Protein backbone atom coordinates (compact mmCIF):
# COMPACT_ATOMS: atom_id res chain seq x y z
CA MET A 1 -15.23 13.24 -17.03
CA ALA A 2 -18.53 11.36 -17.17
CA THR A 3 -19.46 9.66 -13.91
CA PHE A 4 -21.01 6.27 -13.40
CA ASP A 5 -24.57 6.24 -12.01
CA ALA A 6 -25.40 3.03 -10.17
CA SER A 7 -28.58 4.27 -8.52
CA ARG A 8 -30.80 1.90 -10.53
CA LEU A 9 -28.61 -1.17 -10.08
CA ASN A 10 -29.49 -3.91 -7.64
CA PHE A 11 -26.58 -6.32 -7.47
CA GLN A 12 -26.92 -9.12 -4.93
CA PHE A 13 -23.47 -8.66 -3.42
CA MET A 14 -24.12 -10.62 -0.24
CA LYS A 15 -25.30 -13.66 -2.17
CA TYR A 16 -21.68 -14.59 -2.91
CA ARG A 17 -20.14 -13.31 0.33
CA LYS A 18 -19.13 -16.72 1.70
CA ILE A 19 -17.26 -17.66 -1.47
CA LEU A 20 -15.41 -14.36 -1.65
CA VAL A 21 -14.64 -14.20 2.06
CA GLY A 22 -13.28 -17.73 1.74
CA LEU A 23 -11.10 -16.58 -1.17
CA SER A 24 -9.88 -13.67 0.95
CA LEU A 25 -8.95 -16.05 3.76
CA VAL A 26 -6.94 -18.15 1.31
CA CYS A 27 -5.12 -15.02 0.10
CA ILE A 28 -4.43 -13.94 3.68
CA VAL A 29 -3.00 -17.35 4.58
CA ALA A 30 -0.88 -17.33 1.41
CA SER A 31 0.37 -13.82 2.19
CA ILE A 32 1.33 -14.77 5.75
CA ALA A 33 3.06 -17.90 4.44
CA LEU A 34 5.05 -15.78 1.97
CA LEU A 35 6.02 -13.34 4.72
CA CYS A 36 7.19 -16.22 6.94
CA THR A 37 9.13 -18.06 4.22
CA LYS A 38 10.26 -15.56 1.59
CA GLY A 39 10.03 -12.43 3.71
CA LEU A 40 10.26 -8.86 2.45
CA ASN A 41 12.93 -7.20 0.38
CA LEU A 42 13.91 -4.53 2.90
CA GLY A 43 15.69 -1.49 1.49
CA VAL A 44 18.71 0.30 2.80
CA ASP A 45 16.53 2.37 5.16
CA PHE A 46 15.80 -0.75 7.20
CA THR A 47 18.85 -2.96 6.67
CA GLY A 48 21.60 -0.34 6.71
CA GLY A 49 23.85 0.54 3.84
CA LEU A 50 25.55 3.32 1.91
CA VAL A 51 24.07 6.61 0.66
CA LEU A 52 25.88 8.71 -1.95
CA GLN A 53 24.79 12.05 -3.34
CA VAL A 54 26.68 12.87 -6.53
CA LYS A 55 26.56 15.96 -8.74
CA PHE A 56 27.73 15.32 -12.30
CA ASP A 57 29.37 17.93 -14.50
CA GLN A 58 26.77 17.39 -17.22
CA PRO A 59 23.07 16.39 -17.39
CA THR A 60 22.74 12.66 -16.79
CA ASP A 61 19.92 10.19 -17.38
CA ILE A 62 19.03 7.77 -14.57
CA ALA A 63 18.94 4.88 -17.05
CA ASN A 64 22.60 5.50 -17.90
CA VAL A 65 23.53 5.57 -14.22
CA ARG A 66 21.74 2.28 -13.57
CA SER A 67 23.35 0.72 -16.63
CA ALA A 68 26.77 1.71 -15.34
CA LEU A 69 26.06 0.34 -11.86
CA SER A 70 24.82 -2.96 -13.33
CA LYS A 71 28.36 -3.62 -14.55
CA ILE A 72 29.53 -3.99 -10.95
CA GLY A 73 26.45 -5.85 -9.69
CA GLN A 74 24.70 -2.81 -8.19
CA GLY A 75 21.88 -2.46 -10.69
CA ASN A 76 19.28 -2.84 -7.91
CA ALA A 77 20.46 0.29 -6.14
CA THR A 78 17.86 2.97 -5.43
CA ILE A 79 18.53 5.98 -7.67
CA GLN A 80 16.78 9.28 -7.06
CA ALA A 81 17.32 12.31 -9.31
CA PHE A 82 17.11 15.77 -7.72
CA ASP A 83 17.72 17.56 -11.00
CA GLN A 84 19.48 16.88 -14.32
CA ASN A 85 22.91 16.69 -12.68
CA ASP A 86 22.25 15.73 -9.05
CA VAL A 87 21.63 12.05 -8.14
CA LEU A 88 21.15 10.24 -4.83
CA LEU A 89 22.29 6.60 -4.72
CA ARG A 90 21.38 4.05 -2.02
CA PHE A 91 23.17 0.69 -1.67
CA GLN A 92 22.60 -2.08 0.82
CA ALA A 93 26.33 -2.86 0.94
CA GLN A 94 28.46 -0.96 3.45
CA ASP A 95 31.83 -2.17 2.20
CA GLU A 96 34.22 0.66 1.41
CA GLN A 97 35.31 -1.21 -1.70
CA VAL A 98 31.76 -0.98 -3.06
CA ARG A 99 31.89 2.79 -2.77
CA LYS A 100 35.19 2.89 -4.63
CA ASN A 101 33.86 0.62 -7.38
CA VAL A 102 30.73 2.76 -7.75
CA LEU A 103 32.71 5.98 -8.07
CA ALA A 104 35.12 4.38 -10.50
CA VAL A 105 32.40 3.11 -12.85
CA LEU A 106 30.53 6.43 -12.68
CA SER A 107 33.70 8.27 -13.59
CA SER A 108 34.45 6.03 -16.54
CA ASP A 109 30.91 5.69 -17.93
CA ILE A 110 29.22 8.98 -17.00
CA GLY A 111 31.99 11.54 -16.64
CA GLY A 112 33.14 14.10 -14.10
CA TYR A 113 31.31 14.48 -10.81
CA LYS A 114 31.45 15.98 -7.33
CA ILE A 115 30.54 14.06 -4.17
CA LEU A 116 28.07 16.10 -2.12
CA ARG A 117 27.31 13.58 0.61
CA VAL A 118 28.42 10.17 1.87
CA ASP A 119 26.38 8.51 4.64
CA LYS A 120 26.51 5.07 6.19
CA ILE A 121 23.34 3.68 7.77
CA GLY A 122 24.27 1.04 10.30
CA PRO A 123 22.16 -2.02 11.19
CA VAL A 124 21.20 -0.46 14.56
CA VAL A 125 19.63 2.54 12.80
CA GLY A 126 17.85 0.19 10.41
CA LYS A 127 16.46 -1.80 13.34
CA GLU A 128 15.18 1.39 14.96
CA LEU A 129 13.47 2.42 11.73
CA ARG A 130 11.75 -0.97 11.48
CA ALA A 131 10.50 -0.61 15.05
CA GLN A 132 9.27 2.94 14.45
CA ALA A 133 7.48 1.85 11.28
CA GLY A 134 5.75 -0.93 13.21
CA TYR A 135 4.72 1.47 15.97
CA SER A 136 3.33 3.90 13.39
CA LEU A 137 1.14 1.23 11.81
CA PHE A 138 -0.03 -0.07 15.19
CA LEU A 139 -0.93 3.37 16.51
CA ALA A 140 -2.74 4.24 13.28
CA LEU A 141 -4.85 1.08 13.44
CA ALA A 142 -5.56 1.55 17.16
CA GLY A 143 -6.65 5.15 16.56
CA ILE A 144 -8.92 4.03 13.73
CA LEU A 145 -10.58 1.40 15.94
CA ILE A 146 -11.18 3.95 18.72
CA TYR A 147 -12.62 6.48 16.27
CA MET A 148 -14.88 3.93 14.60
CA ALA A 149 -16.12 2.60 17.96
CA TYR A 150 -16.95 6.18 18.98
CA ARG A 151 -18.42 7.28 15.65
CA PHE A 152 -20.36 4.07 14.97
CA ARG A 153 -21.33 1.01 16.96
CA LEU A 154 -18.48 -1.22 18.08
CA ARG A 155 -19.27 -3.93 15.53
CA PHE A 156 -19.15 -1.41 12.70
CA GLY A 157 -15.72 -0.31 13.89
CA ALA A 158 -14.50 -3.88 14.22
CA ALA A 159 -15.70 -4.67 10.68
CA ALA A 160 -13.88 -1.61 9.28
CA VAL A 161 -10.64 -2.49 11.09
CA ALA A 162 -10.90 -6.13 9.92
CA ALA A 163 -11.21 -4.89 6.33
CA LEU A 164 -8.22 -2.60 6.89
CA MET A 165 -6.09 -5.45 8.27
CA HIS A 166 -7.12 -7.53 5.25
CA ASP A 167 -5.84 -4.79 2.93
CA VAL A 168 -2.51 -4.34 4.74
CA ILE A 169 -1.77 -8.09 4.86
CA LEU A 170 -2.52 -8.50 1.14
CA MET A 171 -0.33 -5.50 0.31
CA LEU A 172 2.57 -7.02 2.25
CA GLY A 173 1.93 -10.36 0.56
CA ALA A 174 2.03 -8.72 -2.88
CA TYR A 175 5.37 -7.07 -2.06
CA SER A 176 6.76 -10.35 -0.78
CA LEU A 177 5.58 -12.21 -3.89
CA THR A 178 7.00 -9.68 -6.34
CA GLY A 179 10.17 -8.98 -4.36
CA LYS A 180 9.72 -5.22 -4.61
CA GLU A 181 11.82 -3.17 -2.22
CA ILE A 182 10.38 -1.98 1.07
CA SER A 183 11.53 1.51 2.02
CA VAL A 184 10.38 4.30 4.31
CA THR A 185 8.19 5.63 1.50
CA PHE A 186 6.36 2.28 1.52
CA ILE A 187 5.21 2.98 5.08
CA ALA A 188 3.82 6.32 3.88
CA ALA A 189 2.05 4.49 1.04
CA VAL A 190 0.54 1.93 3.44
CA LEU A 191 -0.81 4.65 5.74
CA THR A 192 -2.19 6.58 2.75
CA VAL A 193 -3.89 3.47 1.38
CA ALA A 194 -5.20 2.70 4.87
CA GLY A 195 -6.85 6.11 4.94
CA TYR A 196 -8.26 5.59 1.45
CA SER A 197 -9.60 2.13 2.29
CA LEU A 198 -11.05 3.30 5.59
CA ASN A 199 -12.80 6.21 3.90
CA ASP A 200 -14.39 3.80 1.41
CA SER A 201 -15.50 1.47 4.21
CA ILE A 202 -16.95 4.37 6.22
CA VAL A 203 -19.07 5.50 3.27
CA VAL A 204 -20.59 2.03 2.93
CA LEU A 205 -20.98 1.46 6.68
CA ASP A 206 -22.49 4.90 7.21
CA ARG A 207 -25.16 4.17 4.60
CA ILE A 208 -25.88 0.84 6.32
CA ARG A 209 -26.21 2.74 9.61
CA GLU A 210 -28.63 5.22 8.02
CA ASN A 211 -30.79 2.37 6.73
CA TRP A 212 -30.54 0.35 9.94
CA GLY A 213 -34.06 1.18 11.08
CA SER A 214 -35.52 -1.19 8.49
CA VAL A 215 -33.28 -4.17 9.31
CA ARG A 216 -36.04 -6.14 11.07
CA SER A 217 -38.54 -5.62 8.27
CA VAL A 218 -36.31 -6.31 5.22
CA GLY A 219 -33.58 -8.46 6.76
CA ILE A 220 -29.88 -7.81 7.17
CA GLU A 221 -28.81 -9.24 3.81
CA LYS A 222 -31.24 -7.13 1.76
CA LEU A 223 -30.45 -4.03 3.80
CA VAL A 224 -26.72 -4.39 3.17
CA ASN A 225 -27.25 -5.11 -0.54
CA THR A 226 -29.38 -1.96 -0.84
CA SER A 227 -26.84 0.14 1.03
CA VAL A 228 -23.90 -1.07 -1.07
CA ASN A 229 -25.82 -0.43 -4.29
CA GLN A 230 -26.68 3.07 -3.11
CA THR A 231 -22.98 3.88 -2.61
CA LEU A 232 -21.70 1.93 -5.61
CA SER A 233 -21.51 4.88 -8.01
CA ARG A 234 -19.46 6.86 -5.49
CA THR A 235 -17.15 3.88 -4.93
CA ILE A 236 -16.56 3.29 -8.65
CA ASN A 237 -16.07 6.96 -9.50
CA THR A 238 -13.60 7.47 -6.66
CA SER A 239 -11.66 4.31 -7.47
CA VAL A 240 -11.39 5.06 -11.20
CA THR A 241 -10.35 8.70 -10.78
CA THR A 242 -7.74 7.68 -8.21
CA LEU A 243 -6.53 4.75 -10.27
CA LEU A 244 -5.77 6.69 -13.45
CA PRO A 245 -2.94 8.90 -12.10
CA VAL A 246 -1.55 5.99 -10.08
CA VAL A 247 -1.34 3.84 -13.24
CA ALA A 248 0.47 6.70 -14.98
CA MET A 249 2.97 6.91 -12.11
CA PHE A 250 3.47 3.16 -12.17
CA LEU A 251 4.09 3.01 -15.92
CA PHE A 252 6.06 6.21 -16.49
CA GLY A 253 7.37 7.32 -13.10
CA GLY A 254 10.66 5.44 -13.13
CA GLU A 255 11.76 2.66 -10.80
CA VAL A 256 11.51 4.58 -7.52
CA ILE A 257 8.10 6.13 -8.26
CA SER A 258 6.68 2.95 -9.80
CA ASN A 259 7.66 0.96 -6.72
CA PHE A 260 5.80 3.52 -4.61
CA ALA A 261 2.80 3.51 -6.98
CA PHE A 262 2.60 -0.29 -6.88
CA ALA A 263 1.43 -0.07 -3.26
CA PHE A 264 -1.37 2.26 -4.33
CA LEU A 265 -2.43 -0.04 -7.18
CA VAL A 266 -2.73 -3.00 -4.85
CA GLY A 267 -4.28 -0.88 -2.10
CA ILE A 268 -6.97 0.65 -4.30
CA ALA A 269 -7.95 -2.75 -5.69
CA VAL A 270 -8.15 -4.58 -2.36
CA GLY A 271 -9.54 -1.52 -0.55
CA THR A 272 -12.49 -1.21 -2.91
CA TYR A 273 -13.11 -4.95 -2.69
CA SER A 274 -12.85 -5.10 1.11
CA SER A 275 -15.26 -2.22 1.72
CA ILE A 276 -17.95 -4.23 -0.10
CA TYR A 277 -17.15 -7.85 0.67
CA ILE A 278 -15.19 -7.86 3.93
CA ALA A 279 -16.63 -5.10 6.12
CA SER A 280 -20.22 -5.59 4.89
CA SER A 281 -20.04 -9.39 4.94
CA LEU A 282 -18.77 -9.40 8.52
CA LEU A 283 -21.75 -7.28 9.58
CA VAL A 284 -24.16 -9.67 7.88
CA GLU A 285 -22.61 -12.74 9.50
CA TRP A 286 -22.34 -11.05 12.89
CA TYR A 287 -25.96 -9.90 12.90
CA SER A 288 -27.19 -13.27 11.61
CA ARG A 289 -25.61 -14.99 14.61
CA SER A 290 -26.32 -12.27 17.19
CA PRO A 291 -29.08 -9.82 16.17
CA LYS A 292 -28.71 -7.73 19.34
CA PHE A 293 -26.33 -4.89 18.40
């Protein structure tokens, strides 16, 4: 695949930083408002519910299973295929009658089957999973801040963590806006995107650090513009090559995979943006107000 060479470009990124940072602040406020009012569509992993693993007597398509479940109002169930015959079903309802209705419609519409597993996830377990997910995110962000403060100067680390928080909040806002289900795999997606976004920010910040010796002679704004332009080809090439398989998963991966891939789509977009306009802009504003790093 041909790569993009941005070595000769000289975009004035920091010229529009105040407008774009202002836009980011609006998006953050809107995301927080959505989270406070609409909330998140938590899946069975967090709310509790019913898990059924069924093995059919003949190969079965997931679309047919979902169509059958839609007849009894369970079309939003999470359906995961292990092979052509084996399917895992997750429902938020814990009512025993729901289980009976599900098995009845599967028998009539799909055919013979064998129940391999029946699990009930209570609300206490769901609450524990929510707490553990929150702890995981907190510890990851705390570890990142400590590493960045050790690896770079404290303000570089603070700028990277601010960009990371920006990405996570916008991802949560996007899920709240679209109503997509939040499951345990979403936490894995958030942490993966956090690593991707942080890596992008580190590349840009590291180049700024390498060029830092000329900050007094050329000025902070020009230094940051030069550094971002020097890393632009790497940023674009990485984003595009990562984006292509994620788009394929989103379009053709089925409901479960596409829901997972949606987090990556949002994360790649906001992560690439934040490494240029959030982390870098914060450094410019910080140095402009307090030149002593």
